[in-house]
C-alpha atoms as a PDB file:
ATOM      1  CA  MET A   1     109.293 134.556  58.986  1.00  0.00           C
ATOM      2  CA  ARG A   2     112.505 133.777  57.238  1.00  0.00           C
ATOM      3  CA  LEU A   3     112.825 133.930  53.473  1.00  0.00           C
ATOM      4  CA  ASP A   4     113.434 130.253  53.316  1.00  0.00           C
ATOM      5  CA  GLN A   5     109.970 129.761  54.773  1.00  0.00           C
ATOM      6  CA  SER A   6     108.270 131.749  52.013  1.00  0.00           C
ATOM      7  CA  ALA A   7     106.943 129.749  49.107  1.00  0.00           C
ATOM      8  CA  ASN A   8     106.082 130.978  45.591  1.00  0.00           C
ATOM      9  CA  CYS A   9     103.545 129.515  43.245  1.00  0.00           C
ATOM     10  CA  VAL A  10     104.595 129.882  39.658  1.00  0.00           C
ATOM     11  CA  VAL A  11     102.156 129.367  36.742  1.00  0.00           C
ATOM     12  CA  LEU A  12     103.587 127.761  33.593  1.00  0.00           C
ATOM     13  CA  ALA A  13     102.273 127.474  30.074  1.00  0.00           C
ATOM     14  CA  ALA A  14     103.136 124.058  28.502  1.00  0.00           C
ATOM     15  CA  ARG A  15     102.744 122.840  24.919  1.00  0.00           C
ATOM     16  CA  ARG A  16     103.236 119.632  23.016  1.00  0.00           C
ATOM     17  CA  GLU A  17     101.922 118.558  19.588  1.00  0.00           C
ATOM     18  CA  GLY A  18      99.226 121.182  19.375  1.00  0.00           C
ATOM     19  CA  ARG A  19      97.986 120.684  22.918  1.00  0.00           C
ATOM     20  CA  ALA A  20      98.402 123.520  25.437  1.00  0.00           C
ATOM     21  CA  TRP A  21      97.892 123.390  29.201  1.00  0.00           C
ATOM     22  CA  PHE A  22      98.745 125.148  32.436  1.00  0.00           C
ATOM     23  CA  ALA A  23     100.726 123.810  35.311  1.00  0.00           C
ATOM     24  CA  ALA A  24     101.961 125.235  38.627  1.00  0.00           C
ATOM     25  CA  CYS A  25     105.179 124.858  40.573  1.00  0.00           C
ATOM     26  CA  VAL A  26     105.644 125.648  44.192  1.00  0.00           C
ATOM     27  CA  ILE A  27     109.184 126.480  45.325  1.00  0.00           C
ATOM     28  CA  LEU A  28     110.804 128.275  48.206  1.00  0.00           C
ATOM     29  CA  ALA A  29     111.600 131.894  47.608  1.00  0.00           C
ATOM     30  CA  THR A  30     115.355 131.153  48.045  1.00  0.00           C
ATOM     31  CA  THR A  31     115.378 128.668  45.163  1.00  0.00           C
ATOM     32  CA  ARG A  32     114.728 128.530  41.460  1.00  0.00           C
ATOM     33  CA  ALA A  33     112.711 125.859  39.633  1.00  0.00           C
ATOM     34  CA  ASP A  34     114.574 123.904  36.978  1.00  0.00           C
ATOM     35  CA  VAL A  35     111.950 124.712  34.407  1.00  0.00           C
ATOM     36  CA  ASN A  36     113.822 123.679  31.287  1.00  0.00           C
ATOM     37  CA  GLY A  37     115.035 120.487  32.802  1.00  0.00           C
ATOM     38  CA  VAL A  38     113.098 118.554  35.576  1.00  0.00           C
ATOM     39  CA  VAL A  39     109.818 120.452  35.170  1.00  0.00           C
ATOM     40  CA  LYS A  40     109.683 120.242  31.373  1.00  0.00           C
ATOM     41  CA  LYS A  41     110.491 116.490  31.467  1.00  0.00           C
ATOM     42  CA  THR A  42     108.003 115.788  34.312  1.00  0.00           C
ATOM     43  CA  LEU A  43     105.184 117.584  32.404  1.00  0.00           C
ATOM     44  CA  GLY A  44     106.097 115.915  29.030  1.00  0.00           C
ATOM     45  CA  ALA A  45     106.174 119.316  27.328  1.00  0.00           C
ATOM     46  CA  SER A  46     108.101 120.160  24.270  1.00  0.00           C
ATOM     47  CA  LYS A  47     107.837 123.886  25.088  1.00  0.00           C
ATOM     48  CA  LEU A  48     107.488 125.389  28.486  1.00  0.00           C
ATOM     49  CA  SER A  49     107.371 129.045  29.636  1.00  0.00           C
ATOM     50  CA  PHE A  50     106.221 131.195  32.420  1.00  0.00           C
ATOM     51  CA  ALA A  51     102.575 132.042  31.770  1.00  0.00           C
ATOM     52  CA  ALA A  52     101.908 135.582  30.686  1.00  0.00           C
ATOM     53  CA  MET A  53     100.462 137.729  33.511  1.00  0.00           C
ATOM     54  CA  ASP A  54      97.067 138.185  31.795  1.00  0.00           C
ATOM     55  CA  ALA A  55      96.782 134.466  30.999  1.00  0.00           C
ATOM     56  CA  ALA A  56      97.792 133.446  34.567  1.00  0.00           C
ATOM     57  CA  VAL A  57      95.208 135.801  36.114  1.00  0.00           C
ATOM     58  CA  GLU A  58      92.434 134.675  33.718  1.00  0.00           C
ATOM     59  CA  ALA A  59      93.248 130.998  34.244  1.00  0.00           C
ATOM     60  CA  THR A  60      93.456 131.097  38.038  1.00  0.00           C
ATOM     61  CA  GLY A  61      90.944 133.851  38.855  1.00  0.00           C
ATOM     62  CA  MET A  62      93.566 135.256  41.272  1.00  0.00           C
ATOM     63  CA  GLU A  63      95.642 138.353  41.442  1.00  0.00           C
ATOM     64  CA  TYR A  64      99.050 138.317  39.900  1.00  0.00           C
ATOM     65  CA  GLY A  65     101.694 138.245  42.635  1.00  0.00           C
ATOM     66  CA  GLY A  66      99.312 136.470  45.048  1.00  0.00           C
ATOM     67  CA  ILE A  67      98.543 133.224  43.130  1.00  0.00           C
ATOM     68  CA  THR A  68      98.291 130.287  45.379  1.00  0.00           C
ATOM     69  CA  PRO A  69      98.149 126.552  44.672  1.00  0.00           C
ATOM     70  CA  LEU A  70      94.948 126.354  46.802  1.00  0.00           C
ATOM     71  CA  GLY A  71      91.924 126.457  44.523  1.00  0.00           C
ATOM     72  CA  LEU A  72      93.703 125.732  41.278  1.00  0.00           C
ATOM     73  CA  SER A  73      91.867 123.591  38.785  1.00  0.00           C
ATOM     74  CA  ALA A  74      92.145 119.872  39.795  1.00  0.00           C
ATOM     75  CA  ASP A  75      93.274 119.040  36.233  1.00  0.00           C
ATOM     76  CA  TRP A  76      96.394 121.195  36.484  1.00  0.00           C
ATOM     77  CA  PRO A  77      99.664 119.395  37.226  1.00  0.00           C
ATOM     78  CA  LEU A  78     100.959 120.869  40.537  1.00  0.00           C
ATOM     79  CA  LEU A  79     104.637 120.252  41.119  1.00  0.00           C
ATOM     80  CA  ILE A  80     105.900 120.904  44.588  1.00  0.00           C
ATOM     81  CA  ASP A  81     109.521 121.070  45.425  1.00  0.00           C
ATOM     82  CA  GLU A  82     110.442 118.649  48.159  1.00  0.00           C
ATOM     83  CA  ARG A  83     112.029 121.497  50.133  1.00  0.00           C
ATOM     84  CA  VAL A  84     108.687 123.180  50.490  1.00  0.00           C
ATOM     85  CA  THR A  85     107.116 120.060  52.097  1.00  0.00           C
ATOM     86  CA  ALA A  86     110.123 119.660  54.436  1.00  0.00           C
ATOM     87  CA  ALA A  87     110.250 123.322  55.462  1.00  0.00           C
ATOM     88  CA  GLY A  88     107.600 123.099  58.201  1.00  0.00           C
ATOM     89  CA  ASP A  89     105.281 126.100  58.147  1.00  0.00           C
ATOM     90  CA  VAL A  90     105.517 128.250  54.982  1.00  0.00           C
ATOM     91  CA  VAL A  91     104.025 131.555  53.886  1.00  0.00           C
ATOM     92  CA  ILE A  92     102.281 131.426  50.505  1.00  0.00           C
ATOM     93  CA  GLY A  93      99.989 133.643  48.443  1.00  0.00           C
ATOM     94  CA  SER A  94      96.300 133.713  49.331  1.00  0.00           C
ATOM     95  CA  GLY A  95      94.937 134.558  45.850  1.00  0.00           C
ATOM     96  CA  VAL A  96      95.129 138.351  46.436  1.00  0.00           C
ATOM     97  CA  ARG A  97      98.262 140.418  46.837  1.00  0.00           C
ATOM     98  CA  ARG A  98      97.377 142.063  50.111  1.00  0.00           C
ATOM     99  CA  SER A  99      97.389 138.873  52.226  1.00  0.00           C
ATOM    100  CA  LYS A 100      99.276 135.608  52.753  1.00  0.00           C
ATOM    101  CA  LEU A 101      98.600 132.260  54.225  1.00  0.00           C
ATOM    102  CA  LEU A 102     100.642 130.399  56.835  1.00  0.00           C
ATOM    103  CA  LEU A 103     100.349 126.687  56.560  1.00  0.00           C
ATOM    104  CA  PRO A 104     102.405 123.435  56.826  1.00  0.00           C
ATOM    105  CA  GLY A 105     104.271 122.935  53.582  1.00  0.00           C
ATOM    106  CA  ALA A 106     103.563 119.214  53.770  1.00  0.00           C
ATOM    107  CA  LEU A 107      99.802 120.058  53.384  1.00  0.00           C
ATOM    108  CA  LEU A 108     100.400 121.253  49.878  1.00  0.00           C
ATOM    109  CA  ALA A 109     101.313 117.623  48.860  1.00  0.00           C
ATOM    110  CA  GLN A 110      97.665 116.704  49.544  1.00  0.00           C
ATOM    111  CA  LEU A 111      96.246 119.093  46.904  1.00  0.00           C
ATOM    112  CA  PRO A 112      94.626 117.584  43.817  1.00  0.00           C
ATOM    113  CA  GLY A 113      97.226 116.910  41.086  1.00  0.00           C
ATOM    114  CA  ALA A 114     100.156 117.487  43.488  1.00  0.00           C
ATOM    115  CA  GLN A 115     103.395 115.706  42.867  1.00  0.00           C
ATOM    116  CA  VAL A 116     106.387 116.269  45.198  1.00  0.00           C
ATOM    117  CA  LEU A 117     109.844 116.045  43.632  1.00  0.00           C
ATOM    118  CA  ALA A 118     113.153 117.836  43.510  1.00  0.00           C
ATOM    119  CA  ILE A 119     112.430 120.698  41.100  1.00  0.00           C
ATOM    120  CA  ALA A 120     114.526 123.460  42.511  1.00  0.00           C
ATOM    121  CA  ASN A 121     118.246 124.126  42.237  1.00  0.00           C
END
């Protein structure tokens, strides 16, 4: 598999007016999410950061480094970069570090809370 067919799921901690929530972004390994621009605006957050490792593990029930968008809470916003859905088959975490999943990137757009947009630069 090429690196541009590898997708990463990043857990974010968002806040606004005393409310805090988690969200996830899925991007290709060759790109970076525009967290402080597109993602922050889309989530309507006033503050946005990468979730601390312990918080991400506790919130997802998955191993850090293997977090997958599959099985995330349905109330989490799930932002998927359009390049992931256009990439054909992608490799993504399985929930544990020692294995990966191979699946069509377009399938991720069907997950609960999923929104496909241009979030990577």
